[in-house]
Amino acid sequence: MKIKFIGGCTIGKPNLIVISHNKEGIVLDCGFQYEMPEFDRIDDEIKHIFISHAHADHIGGLTILKRKFPEANIYMSEPTKDIGK
C-alpha cells in the first residue's frame, strides 16, 4: 500500500491524499485553496473518491478530478453533496 500526500500538508494548500495498491487508488478529499492540487502527480487509476466535508479546501477541485477519472465513484454525506452543488 502507498499513501501520497499531494496537498494539505502546509497552510494554504488544497487537501488531496491518494491511497493506492497495485496501481489502483482512492482519493481522500480534493480541494482548492489559492491553487489547485498537482493532479499530474496522481500516477494511479483512481476508482473511488471520498470527500470528508464541504469546505473549499476539501471539495473545490472535485470537478477537475472527476474529469480526469470519470469512472471513479464519489462518496460524501448528503449535506456535503448539497453544499457542493
PDB file of N, CA and C in Angstrom:
ATOM      1  N   MET A   1       0.839  -1.163   0.000  1.00  0.00           N
ATOM      2  CA  MET A   1       0.000   0.000   0.000  1.00  0.00           C
ATOM      3  C   MET A   1       0.891   1.236   0.000  1.00  0.00           C
ATOM      4  N   LYS A   2       0.449   2.266  -0.720  1.00  0.00           N
ATOM      5  CA  LYS A   2       1.206   3.508  -0.837  1.00  0.00           C
ATOM      6  C   LYS A   2       0.271   4.671  -0.487  1.00  0.00           C
ATOM      7  N   ILE A   3       0.749   5.603   0.317  1.00  0.00           N
ATOM      8  CA  ILE A   3      -0.004   6.817   0.648  1.00  0.00           C
ATOM      9  C   ILE A   3       0.790   8.006   0.136  1.00  0.00           C
ATOM     10  N   LYS A   4       0.130   8.832  -0.672  1.00  0.00           N
ATOM     11  CA  LYS A   4       0.799  10.004  -1.249  1.00  0.00           C
ATOM     12  C   LYS A   4       0.011  11.256  -0.872  1.00  0.00           C
ATOM     13  N   PHE A   5       0.672  12.182  -0.185  1.00  0.00           N
ATOM     14  CA  PHE A   5       0.065  13.456   0.166  1.00  0.00           C
ATOM     15  C   PHE A   5       0.365  14.446  -0.956  1.00  0.00           C
ATOM     16  N   ILE A   6      -0.638  14.729  -1.758  1.00  0.00           N
ATOM     17  CA  ILE A   6      -0.451  15.647  -2.874  1.00  0.00           C
ATOM     18  C   ILE A   6      -0.748  17.076  -2.429  1.00  0.00           C
ATOM     19  N   GLY A   7      -1.488  17.237  -1.393  1.00  0.00           N
ATOM     20  CA  GLY A   7      -1.772  18.550  -0.837  1.00  0.00           C
ATOM     21  C   GLY A   7      -2.238  18.414   0.592  1.00  0.00           C
ATOM     22  N   GLY A   8      -2.339  19.551   1.264  1.00  0.00           N
ATOM     23  CA  GLY A   8      -2.863  19.561   2.609  1.00  0.00           C
ATOM     24  C   GLY A   8      -1.831  19.457   3.706  1.00  0.00           C
ATOM     25  N   CYS A   9      -0.572  19.413   3.346  1.00  0.00           N
ATOM     26  CA  CYS A   9       0.473  19.264   4.362  1.00  0.00           C
ATOM     27  C   CYS A   9       0.984  20.605   4.870  1.00  0.00           C
ATOM     28  N   THR A  10       0.640  21.685   4.196  1.00  0.00           N
ATOM     29  CA  THR A  10       1.057  23.009   4.631  1.00  0.00           C
ATOM     30  C   THR A  10      -0.126  23.964   4.558  1.00  0.00           C
ATOM     31  N   ILE A  11      -0.040  25.065   5.260  1.00  0.00           N
ATOM     32  CA  ILE A  11      -1.116  26.057   5.264  1.00  0.00           C
ATOM     33  C   ILE A  11      -1.283  26.633   3.868  1.00  0.00           C
ATOM     34  N   GLY A  12      -2.529  26.760   3.444  1.00  0.00           N
ATOM     35  CA  GLY A  12      -2.827  27.353   2.151  1.00  0.00           C
ATOM     36  C   GLY A  12      -2.779  26.392   0.983  1.00  0.00           C
ATOM     37  N   LYS A  13      -2.543  25.129   1.238  1.00  0.00           N
ATOM     38  CA  LYS A  13      -2.503  24.134   0.157  1.00  0.00           C
ATOM     39  C   LYS A  13      -3.793  23.331   0.163  1.00  0.00           C
ATOM     40  N   PRO A  14      -4.287  22.945  -1.003  1.00  0.00           N
ATOM     41  CA  PRO A  14      -5.504  22.138  -1.072  1.00  0.00           C
ATOM     42  C   PRO A  14      -5.249  20.719  -0.571  1.00  0.00           C
ATOM     43  N   ASN A  15      -6.267  20.131   0.018  1.00  0.00           N
ATOM     44  CA  ASN A  15      -6.159  18.761   0.536  1.00  0.00           C
ATOM     45  C   ASN A  15      -6.398  17.754  -0.580  1.00  0.00           C
ATOM     46  N   LEU A  16      -5.496  16.803  -0.719  1.00  0.00           N
ATOM     47  CA  LEU A  16      -5.658  15.696  -1.659  1.00  0.00           C
ATOM     48  C   LEU A  16      -4.684  14.599  -1.248  1.00  0.00           C
ATOM     49  N   ILE A  17      -5.237  13.453  -0.869  1.00  0.00           N
ATOM     50  CA  ILE A  17      -4.430  12.307  -0.450  1.00  0.00           C
ATOM     51  C   ILE A  17      -4.820  11.120  -1.316  1.00  0.00           C
ATOM     52  N   VAL A  18      -3.836  10.415  -1.847  1.00  0.00           N
ATOM     53  CA  VAL A  18      -4.076   9.219  -2.653  1.00  0.00           C
ATOM     54  C   VAL A  18      -3.561   8.009  -1.877  1.00  0.00           C
ATOM     55  N   ILE A  19      -4.435   7.019  -1.716  1.00  0.00           N
ATOM     56  CA  ILE A  19      -4.040   5.740  -1.124  1.00  0.00           C
ATOM     57  C   ILE A  19      -4.186   4.707  -2.223  1.00  0.00           C
ATOM     58  N   SER A  20      -3.094   3.987  -2.518  1.00  0.00           N
ATOM     59  CA  SER A  20      -3.135   3.071  -3.656  1.00  0.00           C
ATOM     60  C   SER A  20      -2.475   1.738  -3.337  1.00  0.00           C
ATOM     61  N   HIS A  21      -2.831   0.766  -4.155  1.00  0.00           N
ATOM     62  CA  HIS A  21      -2.258  -0.575  -4.080  1.00  0.00           C
ATOM     63  C   HIS A  21      -2.356  -1.174  -5.479  1.00  0.00           C
ATOM     64  N   ASN A  22      -1.258  -1.669  -6.000  1.00  0.00           N
ATOM     65  CA  ASN A  22      -1.226  -2.264  -7.348  1.00  0.00           C
ATOM     66  C   ASN A  22      -1.773  -1.319  -8.415  1.00  0.00           C
ATOM     67  N   LYS A  23      -1.375  -0.050  -8.335  1.00  0.00           N
ATOM     68  CA  LYS A  23      -1.714   0.974  -9.338  1.00  0.00           C
ATOM     69  C   LYS A  23      -3.192   1.345  -9.370  1.00  0.00           C
ATOM     70  N   GLU A  24      -3.984   0.926  -8.391  1.00  0.00           N
ATOM     71  CA  GLU A  24      -5.370   1.366  -8.253  1.00  0.00           C
ATOM     72  C   GLU A  24      -5.483   2.113  -6.940  1.00  0.00           C
ATOM     73  N   GLY A  25      -6.237   3.221  -6.951  1.00  0.00           N
ATOM     74  CA  GLY A  25      -6.260   4.016  -5.747  1.00  0.00           C
ATOM     75  C   GLY A  25      -7.587   4.658  -5.429  1.00  0.00           C
ATOM     76  N   ILE A  26      -7.602   5.266  -4.229  1.00  0.00           N
ATOM     77  CA  ILE A  26      -8.715   6.095  -3.810  1.00  0.00           C
ATOM     78  C   ILE A  26      -8.146   7.464  -3.464  1.00  0.00           C
ATOM     79  N   VAL A  27      -9.000   8.468  -3.551  1.00  0.00           N
ATOM     80  CA  VAL A  27      -8.629   9.830  -3.178  1.00  0.00           C
ATOM     81  C   VAL A  27      -9.432  10.219  -1.951  1.00  0.00           C
ATOM     82  N   LEU A  28      -8.756  10.815  -0.979  1.00  0.00           N
ATOM     83  CA  LEU A  28      -9.411  11.395   0.179  1.00  0.00           C
ATOM     84  C   LEU A  28      -9.345  12.907   0.019  1.00  0.00           C
ATOM     85  N   ASP A  29     -10.469  13.517  -0.233  1.00  0.00           N
ATOM     86  CA  ASP A  29     -10.622  14.959  -0.418  1.00  0.00           C
ATOM     87  C   ASP A  29      -9.918  15.450  -1.681  1.00  0.00           C
ATOM     88  N   CYS A  30     -10.430  16.531  -2.207  1.00  0.00           N
ATOM     89  CA  CYS A  30      -9.861  17.135  -3.419  1.00  0.00           C
ATOM     90  C   CYS A  30     -10.203  18.612  -3.395  1.00  0.00           C
ATOM     91  N   GLY A  31      -9.370  19.388  -2.749  1.00  0.00           N
ATOM     92  CA  GLY A  31      -9.706  20.782  -2.508  1.00  0.00           C
ATOM     93  C   GLY A  31      -9.074  21.776  -3.447  1.00  0.00           C
ATOM     94  N   PHE A  32      -9.470  23.012  -3.228  1.00  0.00           N
ATOM     95  CA  PHE A  32      -8.911  24.164  -3.930  1.00  0.00           C
ATOM     96  C   PHE A  32      -8.793  25.275  -2.899  1.00  0.00           C
ATOM     97  N   GLN A  33      -7.599  25.781  -2.694  1.00  0.00           N
ATOM     98  CA  GLN A  33      -7.393  26.916  -1.801  1.00  0.00           C
ATOM     99  C   GLN A  33      -6.176  27.674  -2.291  1.00  0.00           C
ATOM    100  N   TYR A  34      -6.405  28.770  -2.965  1.00  0.00           N
ATOM    101  CA  TYR A  34      -5.374  29.622  -3.550  1.00  0.00           C
ATOM    102  C   TYR A  34      -4.716  29.000  -4.776  1.00  0.00           C
ATOM    103  N   GLU A  35      -4.693  27.697  -4.861  1.00  0.00           N
ATOM    104  CA  GLU A  35      -4.145  26.999  -6.034  1.00  0.00           C
ATOM    105  C   GLU A  35      -4.762  25.608  -6.103  1.00  0.00           C
ATOM    106  N   MET A  36      -4.697  25.008  -7.270  1.00  0.00           N
ATOM    107  CA  MET A  36      -5.236  23.656  -7.458  1.00  0.00           C
ATOM    108  C   MET A  36      -4.193  22.624  -7.049  1.00  0.00           C
ATOM    109  N   PRO A  37      -4.658  21.438  -6.672  1.00  0.00           N
ATOM    110  CA  PRO A  37      -3.701  20.360  -6.391  1.00  0.00           C
ATOM    111  C   PRO A  37      -2.916  20.007  -7.659  1.00  0.00           C
ATOM    112  N   GLU A  38      -1.800  19.389  -7.482  1.00  0.00           N
ATOM    113  CA  GLU A  38      -0.970  18.955  -8.609  1.00  0.00           C
ATOM    114  C   GLU A  38      -1.490  17.609  -9.108  1.00  0.00           C
ATOM    115  N   PHE A  39      -2.548  17.662  -9.918  1.00  0.00           N
ATOM    116  CA  PHE A  39      -3.205  16.444 -10.406  1.00  0.00           C
ATOM    117  C   PHE A  39      -2.258  15.541 -11.186  1.00  0.00           C
ATOM    118  N   ASP A  40      -1.252  16.117 -11.829  1.00  0.00           N
ATOM    119  CA  ASP A  40      -0.314  15.305 -12.610  1.00  0.00           C
ATOM    120  C   ASP A  40       0.554  14.407 -11.730  1.00  0.00           C
ATOM    121  N   ARG A  41       0.544  14.617 -10.415  1.00  0.00           N
ATOM    122  CA  ARG A  41       1.280  13.738  -9.505  1.00  0.00           C
ATOM    123  C   ARG A  41       0.519  12.450  -9.184  1.00  0.00           C
ATOM    124  N   ILE A  42      -0.730  12.353  -9.647  1.00  0.00           N
ATOM    125  CA  ILE A  42      -1.510  11.130  -9.437  1.00  0.00           C
ATOM    126  C   ILE A  42      -1.138  10.162 -10.545  1.00  0.00           C
ATOM    127  N   ASP A  43      -0.441   9.101 -10.189  1.00  0.00           N
ATOM    128  CA  ASP A  43       0.009   8.141 -11.202  1.00  0.00           C
ATOM    129  C   ASP A  43      -0.681   6.787 -11.056  1.00  0.00           C
ATOM    130  N   ASP A  44      -1.817   6.770 -10.370  1.00  0.00           N
ATOM    131  CA  ASP A  44      -2.602   5.546 -10.200  1.00  0.00           C
ATOM    132  C   ASP A  44      -3.972   5.738 -10.836  1.00  0.00           C
ATOM    133  N   GLU A  45      -4.653   4.661 -11.132  1.00  0.00           N
ATOM    134  CA  GLU A  45      -6.013   4.730 -11.635  1.00  0.00           C
ATOM    135  C   GLU A  45      -6.940   4.874 -10.435  1.00  0.00           C
ATOM    136  N   ILE A  46      -7.601   5.999 -10.347  1.00  0.00           N
ATOM    137  CA  ILE A  46      -8.472   6.283  -9.201  1.00  0.00           C
ATOM    138  C   ILE A  46      -9.844   5.647  -9.430  1.00  0.00           C
ATOM    139  N   LYS A  47     -10.234   4.813  -8.485  1.00  0.00           N
ATOM    140  CA  LYS A  47     -11.519   4.102  -8.564  1.00  0.00           C
ATOM    141  C   LYS A  47     -12.589   4.731  -7.682  1.00  0.00           C
ATOM    142  N   HIS A  48     -12.164   5.360  -6.571  1.00  0.00           N
ATOM    143  CA  HIS A  48     -13.109   5.919  -5.610  1.00  0.00           C
ATOM    144  C   HIS A  48     -12.582   7.245  -5.077  1.00  0.00           C
ATOM    145  N   ILE A  49     -13.509   8.185  -4.821  1.00  0.00           N
ATOM    146  CA  ILE A  49     -13.177   9.493  -4.263  1.00  0.00           C
ATOM    147  C   ILE A  49     -14.050   9.695  -3.029  1.00  0.00           C
ATOM    148  N   PHE A  50     -13.418   9.977  -1.895  1.00  0.00           N
ATOM    149  CA  PHE A  50     -14.130  10.225  -0.646  1.00  0.00           C
ATOM    150  C   PHE A  50     -13.924  11.685  -0.245  1.00  0.00           C
ATOM    151  N   ILE A  51     -15.023  12.396  -0.015  1.00  0.00           N
ATOM    152  CA  ILE A  51     -14.969  13.794   0.409  1.00  0.00           C
ATOM    153  C   ILE A  51     -15.437  13.856   1.858  1.00  0.00           C
ATOM    154  N   SER A  52     -14.600  14.417   2.730  1.00  0.00           N
ATOM    155  CA  SER A  52     -14.920  14.434   4.155  1.00  0.00           C
ATOM    156  C   SER A  52     -15.945  15.502   4.526  1.00  0.00           C
ATOM    157  N   HIS A  53     -15.848  16.687   3.911  1.00  0.00           N
ATOM    158  CA  HIS A  53     -16.794  17.753   4.205  1.00  0.00           C
ATOM    159  C   HIS A  53     -16.693  18.828   3.120  1.00  0.00           C
ATOM    160  N   ALA A  54     -17.584  19.812   3.184  1.00  0.00           N
ATOM    161  CA  ALA A  54     -17.777  20.728   2.058  1.00  0.00           C
ATOM    162  C   ALA A  54     -16.970  22.022   2.096  1.00  0.00           C
ATOM    163  N   HIS A  55     -15.916  22.102   2.867  1.00  0.00           N
ATOM    164  CA  HIS A  55     -15.053  23.283   2.774  1.00  0.00           C
ATOM    165  C   HIS A  55     -14.326  23.259   1.436  1.00  0.00           C
ATOM    166  N   ALA A  56     -14.087  24.431   0.871  1.00  0.00           N
ATOM    167  CA  ALA A  56     -13.453  24.518  -0.453  1.00  0.00           C
ATOM    168  C   ALA A  56     -12.107  23.808  -0.514  1.00  0.00           C
ATOM    169  N   ASP A  57     -11.358  23.814   0.589  1.00  0.00           N
ATOM    170  CA  ASP A  57     -10.044  23.165   0.575  1.00  0.00           C
ATOM    171  C   ASP A  57     -10.147  21.640   0.633  1.00  0.00           C
ATOM    172  N   HIS A  58     -11.382  21.110   0.654  1.00  0.00           N
ATOM    173  CA  HIS A  58     -11.592  19.661   0.635  1.00  0.00           C
ATOM    174  C   HIS A  58     -12.435  19.197  -0.555  1.00  0.00           C
ATOM    175  N   ILE A  59     -13.203  20.107  -1.174  1.00  0.00           N
ATOM    176  CA  ILE A  59     -14.103  19.714  -2.263  1.00  0.00           C
ATOM    177  C   ILE A  59     -13.930  20.575  -3.520  1.00  0.00           C
ATOM    178  N   GLY A  60     -13.219  21.688  -3.431  1.00  0.00           N
ATOM    179  CA  GLY A  60     -13.161  22.669  -4.518  1.00  0.00           C
ATOM    180  C   GLY A  60     -12.576  22.192  -5.834  1.00  0.00           C
ATOM    181  N   GLY A  61     -11.747  21.161  -5.829  1.00  0.00           N
ATOM    182  CA  GLY A  61     -11.143  20.664  -7.065  1.00  0.00           C
ATOM    183  C   GLY A  61     -11.802  19.409  -7.604  1.00  0.00           C
ATOM    184  N   LEU A  62     -12.938  19.040  -7.026  1.00  0.00           N
ATOM    185  CA  LEU A  62     -13.580  17.776  -7.385  1.00  0.00           C
ATOM    186  C   LEU A  62     -13.986  17.695  -8.855  1.00  0.00           C
ATOM    187  N   THR A  63     -14.495  18.772  -9.427  1.00  0.00           N
ATOM    188  CA  THR A  63     -14.935  18.703 -10.831  1.00  0.00           C
ATOM    189  C   THR A  63     -13.771  18.404 -11.773  1.00  0.00           C
ATOM    190  N   ILE A  64     -12.603  18.945 -11.479  1.00  0.00           N
ATOM    191  CA  ILE A  64     -11.439  18.682 -12.328  1.00  0.00           C
ATOM    192  C   ILE A  64     -10.966  17.240 -12.150  1.00  0.00           C
ATOM    193  N   LEU A  65     -10.935  16.768 -10.900  1.00  0.00           N
ATOM    194  CA  LEU A  65     -10.536  15.385 -10.649  1.00  0.00           C
ATOM    195  C   LEU A  65     -11.495  14.413 -11.330  1.00  0.00           C
ATOM    196  N   LYS A  66     -12.782  14.730 -11.304  1.00  0.00           N
ATOM    197  CA  LYS A  66     -13.786  13.855 -11.928  1.00  0.00           C
ATOM    198  C   LYS A  66     -13.598  13.816 -13.450  1.00  0.00           C
ATOM    199  N   ARG A  67     -13.169  14.915 -14.040  1.00  0.00           N
ATOM    200  CA  ARG A  67     -12.884  14.901 -15.487  1.00  0.00           C
ATOM    201  C   ARG A  67     -11.704  13.990 -15.800  1.00  0.00           C
ATOM    202  N   LYS A  68     -10.733  13.962 -14.905  1.00  0.00           N
ATOM    203  CA  LYS A  68      -9.543  13.124 -15.119  1.00  0.00           C
ATOM    204  C   LYS A  68      -9.862  11.645 -14.898  1.00  0.00           C
ATOM    205  N   PHE A  69     -10.768  11.354 -13.975  1.00  0.00           N
ATOM    206  CA  PHE A  69     -11.157   9.976 -13.644  1.00  0.00           C
ATOM    207  C   PHE A  69     -12.681   9.858 -13.677  1.00  0.00           C
ATOM    208  N   PRO A  70     -13.279   9.899 -14.868  1.00  0.00           N
ATOM    209  CA  PRO A  70     -14.745   9.940 -14.974  1.00  0.00           C
ATOM    210  C   PRO A  70     -15.457   8.694 -14.447  1.00  0.00           C
ATOM    211  N   GLU A  71     -14.773   7.576 -14.365  1.00  0.00           N
ATOM    212  CA  GLU A  71     -15.399   6.338 -13.889  1.00  0.00           C
ATOM    213  C   GLU A  71     -15.344   6.192 -12.364  1.00  0.00           C
ATOM    214  N   ALA A  72     -14.648   7.084 -11.691  1.00  0.00           N
ATOM    215  CA  ALA A  72     -14.495   6.981 -10.236  1.00  0.00           C
ATOM    216  C   ALA A  72     -15.822   7.229  -9.528  1.00  0.00           C
ATOM    217  N   ASN A  73     -16.099   6.434  -8.516  1.00  0.00           N
ATOM    218  CA  ASN A  73     -17.270   6.634  -7.669  1.00  0.00           C
ATOM    219  C   ASN A  73     -16.948   7.713  -6.646  1.00  0.00           C
ATOM    220  N   ILE A  74     -17.937   8.556  -6.328  1.00  0.00           N
ATOM    221  CA  ILE A  74     -17.746   9.625  -5.352  1.00  0.00           C
ATOM    222  C   ILE A  74     -18.636   9.353  -4.146  1.00  0.00           C
ATOM    223  N   TYR A  75     -18.036   9.497  -2.954  1.00  0.00           N
ATOM    224  CA  TYR A  75     -18.748   9.273  -1.702  1.00  0.00           C
ATOM    225  C   TYR A  75     -18.637  10.509  -0.824  1.00  0.00           C
ATOM    226  N   MET A  76     -19.781  10.971  -0.334  1.00  0.00           N
ATOM    227  CA  MET A  76     -19.823  12.101   0.590  1.00  0.00           C
ATOM    228  C   MET A  76     -21.184  12.108   1.272  1.00  0.00           C
ATOM    229  N   SER A  77     -21.294  12.831   2.359  1.00  0.00           N
ATOM    230  CA  SER A  77     -22.577  12.912   3.070  1.00  0.00           C
ATOM    231  C   SER A  77     -23.572  13.747   2.255  1.00  0.00           C
ATOM    232  N   GLU A  78     -24.843  13.585   2.535  1.00  0.00           N
ATOM    233  CA  GLU A  78     -25.869  14.376   1.839  1.00  0.00           C
ATOM    234  C   GLU A  78     -25.683  15.874   2.057  1.00  0.00           C
ATOM    235  N   PRO A  79     -25.416  16.350   3.289  1.00  0.00           N
ATOM    236  CA  PRO A  79     -25.189  17.796   3.450  1.00  0.00           C
ATOM    237  C   PRO A  79     -23.988  18.302   2.637  1.00  0.00           C
ATOM    238  N   THR A  80     -22.919  17.517   2.573  1.00  0.00           N
ATOM    239  CA  THR A  80     -21.759  17.908   1.771  1.00  0.00           C
ATOM    240  C   THR A  80     -22.139  17.967   0.306  1.00  0.00           C
ATOM    241  N   LYS A  81     -22.916  17.002  -0.143  1.00  0.00           N
ATOM    242  CA  LYS A  81     -23.379  16.962  -1.536  1.00  0.00           C
ATOM    243  C   LYS A  81     -24.225  18.199  -1.855  1.00  0.00           C
ATOM    244  N   ASP A  82     -25.105  18.578  -0.961  1.00  0.00           N
ATOM    245  CA  ASP A  82     -25.962  19.756  -1.179  1.00  0.00           C
ATOM    246  C   ASP A  82     -25.150  21.032  -1.255  1.00  0.00           C
ATOM    247  N   ILE A  83     -24.187  21.191  -0.358  1.00  0.00           N
ATOM    248  CA  ILE A  83     -23.357  22.400  -0.353  1.00  0.00           C
ATOM    249  C   ILE A  83     -22.426  22.419  -1.562  1.00  0.00           C
ATOM    250  N   GLY A  84     -21.959  21.273  -1.988  1.00  0.00           N
ATOM    251  CA  GLY A  84     -21.019  21.178  -3.094  1.00  0.00           C
ATOM    252  C   GLY A  84     -21.606  21.370  -4.473  1.00  0.00           C
ATOM    253  N   LYS A  85     -22.926  21.459  -4.574  1.00  0.00           N
ATOM    254  CA  LYS A  85     -23.568  21.616  -5.899  1.00  0.00           C
ATOM    255  C   LYS A  85     -23.276  22.964  -6.502  1.00  0.00           C
TER     256      LYS A  85
END
